[in-house]
PDB file of N, CA and C in Angstrom:
ATOM      1  N   MET A   1       7.742  31.189   4.163  1.00  0.00           N
ATOM      2  CA  MET A   1       9.138  31.128   3.710  1.00  0.00           C
ATOM      3  C   MET A   1       9.174  31.278   2.194  1.00  0.00           C
ATOM      4  N   THR A   2       9.979  32.197   1.714  1.00  0.00           N
ATOM      5  CA  THR A   2      10.114  32.407   0.282  1.00  0.00           C
ATOM      6  C   THR A   2      11.151  31.453  -0.286  1.00  0.00           C
ATOM      7  N   ILE A   3      10.777  30.764  -1.358  1.00  0.00           N
ATOM      8  CA  ILE A   3      11.687  29.820  -1.999  1.00  0.00           C
ATOM      9  C   ILE A   3      12.489  30.569  -3.067  1.00  0.00           C
ATOM     10  N   LYS A   4      13.810  30.545  -2.933  1.00  0.00           N
ATOM     11  CA  LYS A   4      14.675  31.169  -3.926  1.00  0.00           C
ATOM     12  C   LYS A   4      15.645  30.161  -4.530  1.00  0.00           C
ATOM     13  N   LYS A   5      16.274  29.364  -3.653  1.00  0.00           N
ATOM     14  CA  LYS A   5      17.295  28.408  -4.092  1.00  0.00           C
ATOM     15  C   LYS A   5      16.760  26.988  -3.954  1.00  0.00           C
ATOM     16  N   ILE A   6      16.824  26.224  -5.068  1.00  0.00           N
ATOM     17  CA  ILE A   6      16.285  24.865  -5.085  1.00  0.00           C
ATOM     18  C   ILE A   6      17.381  23.874  -5.465  1.00  0.00           C
ATOM     19  N   LEU A   7      17.484  22.804  -4.686  1.00  0.00           N
ATOM     20  CA  LEU A   7      18.403  21.707  -4.982  1.00  0.00           C
ATOM     21  C   LEU A   7      17.629  20.617  -5.712  1.00  0.00           C
ATOM     22  N   VAL A   8      18.032  20.336  -6.957  1.00  0.00           N
ATOM     23  CA  VAL A   8      17.408  19.288  -7.765  1.00  0.00           C
ATOM     24  C   VAL A   8      18.304  18.059  -7.702  1.00  0.00           C
ATOM     25  N   VAL A   9      17.757  16.945  -7.204  1.00  0.00           N
ATOM     26  CA  VAL A   9      18.522  15.704  -7.044  1.00  0.00           C
ATOM     27  C   VAL A   9      17.949  14.649  -7.978  1.00  0.00           C
ATOM     28  N   ASP A  10      18.746  14.229  -8.973  1.00  0.00           N
ATOM     29  CA  ASP A  10      18.311  13.197  -9.916  1.00  0.00           C
ATOM     30  C   ASP A  10      19.543  12.626 -10.592  1.00  0.00           C
ATOM     31  N   ASP A  11      19.584  11.299 -10.756  1.00  0.00           N
ATOM     32  CA  ASP A  11      20.737  10.683 -11.412  1.00  0.00           C
ATOM     33  C   ASP A  11      20.666  10.809 -12.933  1.00  0.00           C
ATOM     34  N   SER A  12      19.533  11.243 -13.478  1.00  0.00           N
ATOM     35  CA  SER A  12      19.370  11.400 -14.922  1.00  0.00           C
ATOM     36  C   SER A  12      19.768  12.815 -15.355  1.00  0.00           C
ATOM     37  N   PRO A  13      20.796  12.938 -16.214  1.00  0.00           N
ATOM     38  CA  PRO A  13      21.179  14.267 -16.705  1.00  0.00           C
ATOM     39  C   PRO A  13      20.018  14.964 -17.423  1.00  0.00           C
ATOM     40  N   THR A  14      19.198  14.194 -18.122  1.00  0.00           N
ATOM     41  CA  THR A  14      18.055  14.768 -18.840  1.00  0.00           C
ATOM     42  C   THR A  14      17.050  15.363 -17.863  1.00  0.00           C
ATOM     43  N   GLU A  15      16.695  14.602 -16.824  1.00  0.00           N
ATOM     44  CA  GLU A  15      15.750  15.110 -15.816  1.00  0.00           C
ATOM     45  C   GLU A  15      16.291  16.353 -15.120  1.00  0.00           C
ATOM     46  N   ARG A  16      17.581  16.340 -14.766  1.00  0.00           N
ATOM     47  CA  ARG A  16      18.183  17.511 -14.114  1.00  0.00           C
ATOM     48  C   ARG A  16      18.084  18.726 -15.035  1.00  0.00           C
ATOM     49  N   HIS A  17      18.369  18.521 -16.319  1.00  0.00           N
ATOM     50  CA  HIS A  17      18.327  19.627 -17.285  1.00  0.00           C
ATOM     51  C   HIS A  17      16.903  20.179 -17.434  1.00  0.00           C
ATOM     52  N   VAL A  18      15.925  19.285 -17.569  1.00  0.00           N
ATOM     53  CA  VAL A  18      14.527  19.704 -17.734  1.00  0.00           C
ATOM     54  C   VAL A  18      14.062  20.506 -16.512  1.00  0.00           C
ATOM     55  N   MET A  19      14.339  19.980 -15.325  1.00  0.00           N
ATOM     56  CA  MET A  19      13.937  20.671 -14.089  1.00  0.00           C
ATOM     57  C   MET A  19      14.641  22.015 -13.955  1.00  0.00           C
ATOM     58  N   LYS A  20      15.951  22.014 -14.242  1.00  0.00           N
ATOM     59  CA  LYS A  20      16.719  23.257 -14.111  1.00  0.00           C
ATOM     60  C   LYS A  20      16.190  24.318 -15.076  1.00  0.00           C
ATOM     61  N   THR A  21      15.896  23.918 -16.312  1.00  0.00           N
ATOM     62  CA  THR A  21      15.376  24.853 -17.311  1.00  0.00           C
ATOM     63  C   THR A  21      14.038  25.436 -16.853  1.00  0.00           C
ATOM     64  N   LEU A  22      13.139  24.570 -16.380  1.00  0.00           N
ATOM     65  CA  LEU A  22      11.830  25.012 -15.898  1.00  0.00           C
ATOM     66  C   LEU A  22      11.977  25.996 -14.737  1.00  0.00           C
ATOM     67  N   LEU A  23      12.815  25.635 -13.765  1.00  0.00           N
ATOM     68  CA  LEU A  23      12.932  26.428 -12.542  1.00  0.00           C
ATOM     69  C   LEU A  23      13.678  27.741 -12.749  1.00  0.00           C
ATOM     70  N   THR A  24      14.775  27.715 -13.508  1.00  0.00           N
ATOM     71  CA  THR A  24      15.510  28.963 -13.751  1.00  0.00           C
ATOM     72  C   THR A  24      14.654  29.912 -14.598  1.00  0.00           C
ATOM     73  N   GLY A  25      13.855  29.343 -15.513  1.00  0.00           N
ATOM     74  CA  GLY A  25      12.942  30.153 -16.314  1.00  0.00           C
ATOM     75  C   GLY A  25      11.869  30.818 -15.468  1.00  0.00           C
ATOM     76  N   SER A  26      11.643  30.285 -14.282  1.00  0.00           N
ATOM     77  CA  SER A  26      10.654  30.856 -13.362  1.00  0.00           C
ATOM     78  C   SER A  26      11.319  31.698 -12.273  1.00  0.00           C
ATOM     79  N   GLY A  27      12.614  31.956 -12.435  1.00  0.00           N
ATOM     80  CA  GLY A  27      13.303  32.866 -11.529  1.00  0.00           C
ATOM     81  C   GLY A  27      13.987  32.257 -10.324  1.00  0.00           C
ATOM     82  N   TYR A  28      14.046  30.923 -10.261  1.00  0.00           N
ATOM     83  CA  TYR A  28      14.706  30.273  -9.124  1.00  0.00           C
ATOM     84  C   TYR A  28      16.183  30.044  -9.402  1.00  0.00           C
ATOM     85  N   GLU A  29      16.978  30.086  -8.338  1.00  0.00           N
ATOM     86  CA  GLU A  29      18.376  29.686  -8.429  1.00  0.00           C
ATOM     87  C   GLU A  29      18.394  28.174  -8.235  1.00  0.00           C
ATOM     88  N   VAL A  30      19.077  27.444  -9.124  1.00  0.00           N
ATOM     89  CA  VAL A  30      19.046  25.976  -9.078  1.00  0.00           C
ATOM     90  C   VAL A  30      20.455  25.422  -8.914  1.00  0.00           C
ATOM     91  N   ILE A  31      20.600  24.518  -7.960  1.00  0.00           N
ATOM     92  CA  ILE A  31      21.816  23.725  -7.816  1.00  0.00           C
ATOM     93  C   ILE A  31      21.402  22.271  -8.011  1.00  0.00           C
ATOM     94  N   THR A  32      22.329  21.435  -8.456  1.00  0.00           N
ATOM     95  CA  THR A  32      21.971  20.049  -8.749  1.00  0.00           C
ATOM     96  C   THR A  32      22.903  19.068  -8.053  1.00  0.00           C
ATOM     97  N   ALA A  33      22.374  17.860  -7.876  1.00  0.00           N
ATOM     98  CA  ALA A  33      23.150  16.742  -7.346  1.00  0.00           C
ATOM     99  C   ALA A  33      22.666  15.495  -8.079  1.00  0.00           C
ATOM    100  N   GLU A  34      23.564  14.539  -8.298  1.00  0.00           N
ATOM    101  CA  GLU A  34      23.170  13.334  -9.039  1.00  0.00           C
ATOM    102  C   GLU A  34      23.140  12.076  -8.195  1.00  0.00           C
ATOM    103  N   SER A  35      23.269  12.225  -6.875  1.00  0.00           N
ATOM    104  CA  SER A  35      23.188  11.059  -5.986  1.00  0.00           C
ATOM    105  C   SER A  35      22.694  11.511  -4.611  1.00  0.00           C
ATOM    106  N   GLY A  36      22.258  10.546  -3.826  1.00  0.00           N
ATOM    107  CA  GLY A  36      21.826  10.850  -2.465  1.00  0.00           C
ATOM    108  C   GLY A  36      22.954  11.414  -1.621  1.00  0.00           C
ATOM    109  N   GLU A  37      24.142  10.847  -1.790  1.00  0.00           N
ATOM    110  CA  GLU A  37      25.302  11.315  -1.026  1.00  0.00           C
ATOM    111  C   GLU A  37      25.616  12.773  -1.357  1.00  0.00           C
ATOM    112  N   GLU A  38      25.625  13.080  -2.668  1.00  0.00           N
ATOM    113  CA  GLU A  38      25.919  14.449  -3.099  1.00  0.00           C
ATOM    114  C   GLU A  38      24.813  15.407  -2.629  1.00  0.00           C
ATOM    115  N   ALA A  39      23.573  14.924  -2.630  1.00  0.00           N
ATOM    116  CA  ALA A  39      22.451  15.751  -2.180  1.00  0.00           C
ATOM    117  C   ALA A  39      22.624  16.164  -0.720  1.00  0.00           C
ATOM    118  N   ILE A  40      23.017  15.227   0.125  1.00  0.00           N
ATOM    119  CA  ILE A  40      23.205  15.528   1.545  1.00  0.00           C
ATOM    120  C   ILE A  40      24.330  16.542   1.727  1.00  0.00           C
ATOM    121  N   ALA A  41      25.446  16.328   1.024  1.00  0.00           N
ATOM    122  CA  ALA A  41      26.592  17.245   1.131  1.00  0.00           C
ATOM    123  C   ALA A  41      26.207  18.650   0.654  1.00  0.00           C
ATOM    124  N   LYS A  42      25.522  18.737  -0.492  1.00  0.00           N
ATOM    125  CA  LYS A  42      25.149  20.055  -1.026  1.00  0.00           C
ATOM    126  C   LYS A  42      24.083  20.729  -0.174  1.00  0.00           C
ATOM    127  N   ALA A  43      23.158  19.958   0.366  1.00  0.00           N
ATOM    128  CA  ALA A  43      22.122  20.551   1.226  1.00  0.00           C
ATOM    129  C   ALA A  43      22.765  21.185   2.455  1.00  0.00           C
ATOM    130  N   LYS A  44      23.781  20.525   3.005  1.00  0.00           N
ATOM    131  CA  LYS A  44      24.458  21.049   4.194  1.00  0.00           C
ATOM    132  C   LYS A  44      25.315  22.273   3.867  1.00  0.00           C
ATOM    133  N   SER A  45      25.964  22.277   2.696  1.00  0.00           N
ATOM    134  CA  SER A  45      26.852  23.389   2.358  1.00  0.00           C
ATOM    135  C   SER A  45      26.108  24.571   1.746  1.00  0.00           C
ATOM    136  N   GLU A  46      25.077  24.313   0.941  1.00  0.00           N
ATOM    137  CA  GLU A  46      24.365  25.371   0.218  1.00  0.00           C
ATOM    138  C   GLU A  46      23.110  25.865   0.931  1.00  0.00           C
ATOM    139  N   LEU A  47      22.555  25.037   1.838  1.00  0.00           N
ATOM    140  CA  LEU A  47      21.310  25.336   2.544  1.00  0.00           C
ATOM    141  C   LEU A  47      20.227  25.886   1.605  1.00  0.00           C
ATOM    142  N   PRO A  48      19.766  25.038   0.666  1.00  0.00           N
ATOM    143  CA  PRO A  48      18.716  25.486  -0.263  1.00  0.00           C
ATOM    144  C   PRO A  48      17.399  25.703   0.479  1.00  0.00           C
ATOM    145  N   ASP A  49      16.468  26.401  -0.171  1.00  0.00           N
ATOM    146  CA  ASP A  49      15.154  26.653   0.423  1.00  0.00           C
ATOM    147  C   ASP A  49      14.209  25.476   0.197  1.00  0.00           C
ATOM    148  N   LEU A  50      14.570  24.589  -0.756  1.00  0.00           N
ATOM    149  CA  LEU A  50      13.731  23.449  -1.114  1.00  0.00           C
ATOM    150  C   LEU A  50      14.598  22.395  -1.797  1.00  0.00           C
ATOM    151  N   VAL A  51      14.253  21.118  -1.608  1.00  0.00           N
ATOM    152  CA  VAL A  51      14.912  20.013  -2.300  1.00  0.00           C
ATOM    153  C   VAL A  51      13.869  19.267  -3.115  1.00  0.00           C
ATOM    154  N   LEU A  52      14.177  19.027  -4.403  1.00  0.00           N
ATOM    155  CA  LEU A  52      13.366  18.154  -5.255  1.00  0.00           C
ATOM    156  C   LEU A  52      14.145  16.858  -5.380  1.00  0.00           C
ATOM    157  N   MET A  53      13.618  15.771  -4.825  1.00  0.00           N
ATOM    158  CA  MET A  53      14.367  14.525  -4.636  1.00  0.00           C
ATOM    159  C   MET A  53      13.822  13.378  -5.485  1.00  0.00           C
ATOM    160  N   ASP A  54      14.693  12.802  -6.329  1.00  0.00           N
ATOM    161  CA  ASP A  54      14.371  11.565  -7.033  1.00  0.00           C
ATOM    162  C   ASP A  54      14.523  10.422  -6.028  1.00  0.00           C
ATOM    163  N   ILE A  55      13.900   9.294  -6.297  1.00  0.00           N
ATOM    164  CA  ILE A  55      14.016   8.146  -5.394  1.00  0.00           C
ATOM    165  C   ILE A  55      14.997   7.108  -5.921  1.00  0.00           C
ATOM    166  N   VAL A  56      14.832   6.703  -7.180  1.00  0.00           N
ATOM    167  CA  VAL A  56      15.627   5.611  -7.733  1.00  0.00           C
ATOM    168  C   VAL A  56      16.974   6.151  -8.228  1.00  0.00           C
ATOM    169  N   MET A  57      18.018   5.945  -7.399  1.00  0.00           N
ATOM    170  CA  MET A  57      19.377   6.382  -7.729  1.00  0.00           C
ATOM    171  C   MET A  57      20.351   5.330  -7.206  1.00  0.00           C
ATOM    172  N   PRO A  58      21.506   5.214  -7.862  1.00  0.00           N
ATOM    173  CA  PRO A  58      22.511   4.278  -7.338  1.00  0.00           C
ATOM    174  C   PRO A  58      23.077   4.790  -6.013  1.00  0.00           C
ATOM    175  N   GLY A  59      23.581   3.880  -5.203  1.00  0.00           N
ATOM    176  CA  GLY A  59      24.120   4.279  -3.898  1.00  0.00           C
ATOM    177  C   GLY A  59      22.975   4.593  -2.959  1.00  0.00           C
ATOM    178  N   LEU A  60      23.086   5.713  -2.273  1.00  0.00           N
ATOM    179  CA  LEU A  60      22.059   6.153  -1.332  1.00  0.00           C
ATOM    180  C   LEU A  60      20.825   6.576  -2.129  1.00  0.00           C
ATOM    181  N   ASN A  61      19.700   5.900  -1.919  1.00  0.00           N
ATOM    182  CA  ASN A  61      18.502   6.267  -2.692  1.00  0.00           C
ATOM    183  C   ASN A  61      17.810   7.492  -2.083  1.00  0.00           C
ATOM    184  N   GLY A  62      16.769   7.961  -2.774  1.00  0.00           N
ATOM    185  CA  GLY A  62      16.090   9.170  -2.336  1.00  0.00           C
ATOM    186  C   GLY A  62      15.389   9.042  -1.004  1.00  0.00           C
ATOM    187  N   TYR A  63      14.867   7.856  -0.706  1.00  0.00           N
ATOM    188  CA  TYR A  63      14.237   7.648   0.606  1.00  0.00           C
ATOM    189  C   TYR A  63      15.274   7.832   1.714  1.00  0.00           C
ATOM    190  N   GLN A  64      16.447   7.211   1.528  1.00  0.00           N
ATOM    191  CA  GLN A  64      17.506   7.291   2.546  1.00  0.00           C
ATOM    192  C   GLN A  64      18.014   8.728   2.693  1.00  0.00           C
ATOM    193  N   ALA A  65      18.198   9.418   1.556  1.00  0.00           N
ATOM    194  CA  ALA A  65      18.686  10.801   1.600  1.00  0.00           C
ATOM    195  C   ALA A  65      17.646  11.713   2.261  1.00  0.00           C
ATOM    196  N   THR A  66      16.364  11.495   1.941  1.00  0.00           N
ATOM    197  CA  THR A  66      15.291  12.289   2.548  1.00  0.00           C
ATOM    198  C   THR A  66      15.270  12.087   4.059  1.00  0.00           C
ATOM    199  N   ARG A  67      15.362  10.835   4.484  1.00  0.00           N
ATOM    200  CA  ARG A  67      15.371  10.526   5.924  1.00  0.00           C
ATOM    201  C   ARG A  67      16.556  11.210   6.612  1.00  0.00           C
ATOM    202  N   THR A  68      17.733  11.134   5.982  1.00  0.00           N
ATOM    203  CA  THR A  68      18.935  11.749   6.566  1.00  0.00           C
ATOM    204  C   THR A  68      18.771  13.256   6.695  1.00  0.00           C
ATOM    205  N   LEU A  69      18.301  13.908   5.620  1.00  0.00           N
ATOM    206  CA  LEU A  69      18.142  15.367   5.643  1.00  0.00           C
ATOM    207  C   LEU A  69      17.078  15.813   6.648  1.00  0.00           C
ATOM    208  N   SER A  70      15.975  15.065   6.732  1.00  0.00           N
ATOM    209  CA  SER A  70      14.885  15.477   7.611  1.00  0.00           C
ATOM    210  C   SER A  70      15.203  15.244   9.090  1.00  0.00           C
ATOM    211  N   ARG A  71      16.225  14.461   9.364  1.00  0.00           N
ATOM    212  CA  ARG A  71      16.592  14.197  10.766  1.00  0.00           C
ATOM    213  C   ARG A  71      17.847  14.939  11.207  1.00  0.00           C
ATOM    214  N   ASP A  72      18.529  15.584  10.268  1.00  0.00           N
ATOM    215  CA  ASP A  72      19.772  16.293  10.590  1.00  0.00           C
ATOM    216  C   ASP A  72      19.453  17.692  11.121  1.00  0.00           C
ATOM    217  N   GLN A  73      20.122  18.087  12.185  1.00  0.00           N
ATOM    218  CA  GLN A  73      19.900  19.386  12.819  1.00  0.00           C
ATOM    219  C   GLN A  73      20.044  20.545  11.829  1.00  0.00           C
ATOM    220  N   VAL A  74      21.007  20.449  10.922  1.00  0.00           N
ATOM    221  CA  VAL A  74      21.309  21.535   9.979  1.00  0.00           C
ATOM    222  C   VAL A  74      20.271  21.637   8.866  1.00  0.00           C
ATOM    223  N   THR A  75      19.739  20.490   8.415  1.00  0.00           N
ATOM    224  CA  THR A  75      18.885  20.476   7.218  1.00  0.00           C
ATOM    225  C   THR A  75      17.420  20.114   7.491  1.00  0.00           C
ATOM    226  N   ARG A  76      17.048  19.864   8.734  1.00  0.00           N
ATOM    227  CA  ARG A  76      15.708  19.356   9.036  1.00  0.00           C
ATOM    228  C   ARG A  76      14.580  20.307   8.637  1.00  0.00           C
ATOM    229  N   ASN A  77      14.852  21.614   8.523  1.00  0.00           N
ATOM    230  CA  ASN A  77      13.790  22.567   8.184  1.00  0.00           C
ATOM    231  C   ASN A  77      13.688  22.855   6.688  1.00  0.00           C
ATOM    232  N   ILE A  78      14.490  22.168   5.879  1.00  0.00           N
ATOM    233  CA  ILE A  78      14.414  22.347   4.425  1.00  0.00           C
ATOM    234  C   ILE A  78      13.316  21.417   3.896  1.00  0.00           C
ATOM    235  N   PRO A  79      12.259  21.970   3.276  1.00  0.00           N
ATOM    236  CA  PRO A  79      11.212  21.097   2.734  1.00  0.00           C
ATOM    237  C   PRO A  79      11.722  20.260   1.565  1.00  0.00           C
ATOM    238  N   ILE A  80      11.207  19.044   1.456  1.00  0.00           N
ATOM    239  CA  ILE A  80      11.602  18.124   0.384  1.00  0.00           C
ATOM    240  C   ILE A  80      10.350  17.696  -0.364  1.00  0.00           C
ATOM    241  N   ILE A  81      10.395  17.826  -1.697  1.00  0.00           N
ATOM    242  CA  ILE A  81       9.335  17.293  -2.547  1.00  0.00           C
ATOM    243  C   ILE A  81       9.942  16.149  -3.343  1.00  0.00           C
ATOM    244  N   VAL A  82       9.375  14.964  -3.195  1.00  0.00           N
ATOM    245  CA  VAL A  82       9.843  13.806  -3.953  1.00  0.00           C
ATOM    246  C   VAL A  82       9.278  13.900  -5.367  1.00  0.00           C
ATOM    247  N   CYS A  83      10.144  13.704  -6.374  1.00  0.00           N
ATOM    248  CA  CYS A  83       9.744  13.661  -7.787  1.00  0.00           C
ATOM    249  C   CYS A  83      10.298  12.356  -8.351  1.00  0.00           C
ATOM    250  N   THR A  84       9.429  11.367  -8.571  1.00  0.00           N
ATOM    251  CA  THR A  84       9.895  10.029  -8.913  1.00  0.00           C
ATOM    252  C   THR A  84       8.946   9.318  -9.873  1.00  0.00           C
ATOM    253  N   THR A  85       9.447   8.242 -10.468  1.00  0.00           N
ATOM    254  CA  THR A  85       8.607   7.391 -11.317  1.00  0.00           C
ATOM    255  C   THR A  85       7.814   6.400 -10.471  1.00  0.00           C
ATOM    256  N   LYS A  86       8.160   6.260  -9.195  1.00  0.00           N
ATOM    257  CA  LYS A  86       7.490   5.303  -8.315  1.00  0.00           C
ATOM    258  C   LYS A  86       6.122   5.854  -7.918  1.00  0.00           C
ATOM    259  N   GLY A  87       5.069   5.344  -8.573  1.00  0.00           N
ATOM    260  CA  GLY A  87       3.749   5.929  -8.422  1.00  0.00           C
ATOM    261  C   GLY A  87       2.758   5.175  -7.556  1.00  0.00           C
ATOM    262  N   GLN A  88       3.189   4.108  -6.901  1.00  0.00           N
ATOM    263  CA  GLN A  88       2.276   3.355  -6.035  1.00  0.00           C
ATOM    264  C   GLN A  88       1.956   4.161  -4.773  1.00  0.00           C
ATOM    265  N   GLU A  89       0.770   3.959  -4.240  1.00  0.00           N
ATOM    266  CA  GLU A  89       0.367   4.663  -3.018  1.00  0.00           C
ATOM    267  C   GLU A  89       1.309   4.324  -1.857  1.00  0.00           C
ATOM    268  N   THR A  90       1.772   3.071  -1.789  1.00  0.00           N
ATOM    269  CA  THR A  90       2.703   2.686  -0.713  1.00  0.00           C
ATOM    270  C   THR A  90       4.025   3.448  -0.839  1.00  0.00           C
ATOM    271  N   ASP A  91       4.473   3.716  -2.093  1.00  0.00           N
ATOM    272  CA  ASP A  91       5.701   4.505  -2.298  1.00  0.00           C
ATOM    273  C   ASP A  91       5.511   5.921  -1.769  1.00  0.00           C
ATOM    274  N   ARG A  92       4.340   6.508  -2.084  1.00  0.00           N
ATOM    275  CA  ARG A  92       4.039   7.872  -1.650  1.00  0.00           C
ATOM    276  C   ARG A  92       4.004   7.948  -0.119  1.00  0.00           C
ATOM    277  N   ILE A  93       3.322   7.015   0.491  1.00  0.00           N
ATOM    278  CA  ILE A  93       3.225   6.995   1.954  1.00  0.00           C
ATOM    279  C   ILE A  93       4.618   6.843   2.578  1.00  0.00           C
ATOM    280  N   TRP A  94       5.423   5.941   2.015  1.00  0.00           N
ATOM    281  CA  TRP A  94       6.779   5.722   2.543  1.00  0.00           C
ATOM    282  C   TRP A  94       7.619   6.985   2.399  1.00  0.00           C
ATOM    283  N   GLY A  95       7.517   7.657   1.250  1.00  0.00           N
ATOM    284  CA  GLY A  95       8.265   8.903   1.040  1.00  0.00           C
ATOM    285  C   GLY A  95       7.897   9.964   2.062  1.00  0.00           C
ATOM    286  N   LEU A  96       6.603  10.106   2.322  1.00  0.00           N
ATOM    287  CA  LEU A  96       6.157  11.094   3.303  1.00  0.00           C
ATOM    288  C   LEU A  96       6.598  10.702   4.713  1.00  0.00           C
ATOM    289  N   ARG A  97       6.624   9.403   5.000  1.00  0.00           N
ATOM    290  CA  ARG A  97       7.083   8.945   6.322  1.00  0.00           C
ATOM    291  C   ARG A  97       8.568   9.182   6.539  1.00  0.00           C
ATOM    292  N   GLN A  98       9.333   9.292   5.439  1.00  0.00           N
ATOM    293  CA  GLN A  98      10.771   9.554   5.557  1.00  0.00           C
ATOM    294  C   GLN A  98      11.059  11.033   5.803  1.00  0.00           C
ATOM    295  N   GLY A  99      10.008  11.864   5.680  1.00  0.00           N
ATOM    296  CA  GLY A  99      10.179  13.292   5.953  1.00  0.00           C
ATOM    297  C   GLY A  99       9.870  14.201   4.783  1.00  0.00           C
ATOM    298  N   ALA A 100       9.458  13.645   3.641  1.00  0.00           N
ATOM    299  CA  ALA A 100       9.113  14.493   2.490  1.00  0.00           C
ATOM    300  C   ALA A 100       7.840  15.279   2.801  1.00  0.00           C
ATOM    301  N   HIS A 101       7.750  16.476   2.238  1.00  0.00           N
ATOM    302  CA  HIS A 101       6.573  17.330   2.444  1.00  0.00           C
ATOM    303  C   HIS A 101       5.511  17.097   1.377  1.00  0.00           C
ATOM    304  N   ASP A 102       5.951  16.608   0.206  1.00  0.00           N
ATOM    305  CA  ASP A 102       5.015  16.342  -0.881  1.00  0.00           C
ATOM    306  C   ASP A 102       5.621  15.282  -1.781  1.00  0.00           C
ATOM    307  N   TYR A 103       4.806  14.766  -2.705  1.00  0.00           N
ATOM    308  CA  TYR A 103       5.226  13.631  -3.536  1.00  0.00           C
ATOM    309  C   TYR A 103       4.596  13.789  -4.916  1.00  0.00           C
ATOM    310  N   LEU A 104       5.426  13.899  -5.947  1.00  0.00           N
ATOM    311  CA  LEU A 104       4.955  14.009  -7.328  1.00  0.00           C
ATOM    312  C   LEU A 104       5.486  12.835  -8.145  1.00  0.00           C
ATOM    313  N   VAL A 105       4.664  12.339  -9.068  1.00  0.00           N
ATOM    314  CA  VAL A 105       5.068  11.229  -9.927  1.00  0.00           C
ATOM    315  C   VAL A 105       5.472  11.780 -11.291  1.00  0.00           C
ATOM    316  N   LYS A 106       6.626  11.291 -11.799  1.00  0.00           N
ATOM    317  CA  LYS A 106       7.102  11.694 -13.128  1.00  0.00           C
ATOM    318  C   LYS A 106       6.281  11.005 -14.205  1.00  0.00           C
ATOM    319  N   PRO A 107       6.106  11.609 -15.380  1.00  0.00           N
ATOM    320  CA  PRO A 107       6.657  12.923 -15.704  1.00  0.00           C
ATOM    321  C   PRO A 107       5.919  14.018 -14.938  1.00  0.00           C
ATOM    322  N   VAL A 108       6.690  14.903 -14.316  1.00  0.00           N
ATOM    323  CA  VAL A 108       6.119  15.961 -13.488  1.00  0.00           C
ATOM    324  C   VAL A 108       5.531  17.039 -14.387  1.00  0.00           C
ATOM    325  N   ASN A 109       4.304  17.451 -14.063  1.00  0.00           N
ATOM    326  CA  ASN A 109       3.672  18.557 -14.754  1.00  0.00           C
ATOM    327  C   ASN A 109       4.318  19.846 -14.239  1.00  0.00           C
ATOM    328  N   GLY A 110       4.927  20.609 -15.147  1.00  0.00           N
ATOM    329  CA  GLY A 110       5.660  21.816 -14.761  1.00  0.00           C
ATOM    330  C   GLY A 110       4.823  22.811 -13.989  1.00  0.00           C
ATOM    331  N   GLN A 111       3.579  23.050 -14.439  1.00  0.00           N
ATOM    332  CA  GLN A 111       2.718  24.018 -13.762  1.00  0.00           C
ATOM    333  C   GLN A 111       2.332  23.529 -12.365  1.00  0.00           C
ATOM    334  N   GLU A 112       2.085  22.227 -12.240  1.00  0.00           N
ATOM    335  CA  GLU A 112       1.750  21.655 -10.931  1.00  0.00           C
ATOM    336  C   GLU A 112       2.928  21.803  -9.963  1.00  0.00           C
ATOM    337  N   LEU A 113       4.144  21.521 -10.470  1.00  0.00           N
ATOM    338  CA  LEU A 113       5.341  21.653  -9.644  1.00  0.00           C
ATOM    339  C   LEU A 113       5.521  23.097  -9.188  1.00  0.00           C
ATOM    340  N   LEU A 114       5.403  24.035 -10.119  1.00  0.00           N
ATOM    341  CA  LEU A 114       5.583  25.457  -9.767  1.00  0.00           C
ATOM    342  C   LEU A 114       4.524  25.906  -8.756  1.00  0.00           C
ATOM    343  N   ALA A 115       3.307  25.391  -8.887  1.00  0.00           N
ATOM    344  CA  ALA A 115       2.249  25.733  -7.936  1.00  0.00           C
ATOM    345  C   ALA A 115       2.577  25.204  -6.543  1.00  0.00           C
ATOM    346  N   LYS A 116       3.111  23.977  -6.478  1.00  0.00           N
ATOM    347  CA  LYS A 116       3.459  23.389  -5.173  1.00  0.00           C
ATOM    348  C   LYS A 116       4.618  24.165  -4.526  1.00  0.00           C
ATOM    349  N   ILE A 117       5.576  24.600  -5.358  1.00  0.00           N
ATOM    350  CA  ILE A 117       6.706  25.377  -4.836  1.00  0.00           C
ATOM    351  C   ILE A 117       6.199  26.719  -4.289  1.00  0.00           C
ATOM    352  N   ALA A 118       5.320  27.363  -5.037  1.00  0.00           N
ATOM    353  CA  ALA A 118       4.778  28.663  -4.616  1.00  0.00           C
ATOM    354  C   ALA A 118       3.963  28.538  -3.335  1.00  0.00           C
ATOM    355  N   ALA A 119       3.309  27.385  -3.157  1.00  0.00           N
ATOM    356  CA  ALA A 119       2.497  27.182  -1.952  1.00  0.00           C
ATOM    357  C   ALA A 119       3.406  26.926  -0.768  1.00  0.00           C
TER     358      ALA A 119
END
């Protein structure tokens, strides 16, 4: 599957900007959401090829949003990569159990992220 459109989910305007700059500079179309609720709505309406999901957000957190997207008939085939400050092994395992395909700890290395997207 070729990745063209990426949904970046993060409550931090700075993180969204950094990710968007990196990804658009690499030729990807980027849409953003600042909450779990908005991420679910945009994933259903925009059907991105990939979701980059933060965990720590007000309201619906990234674990809950990941679980919802991975179990929904419309969005279950969209891969999700968690990008978070939560770096414990138990956090990583929990993220993958919620349906994430990969797990990166912030600050995310841009080249590592682009390599994971390309893979």
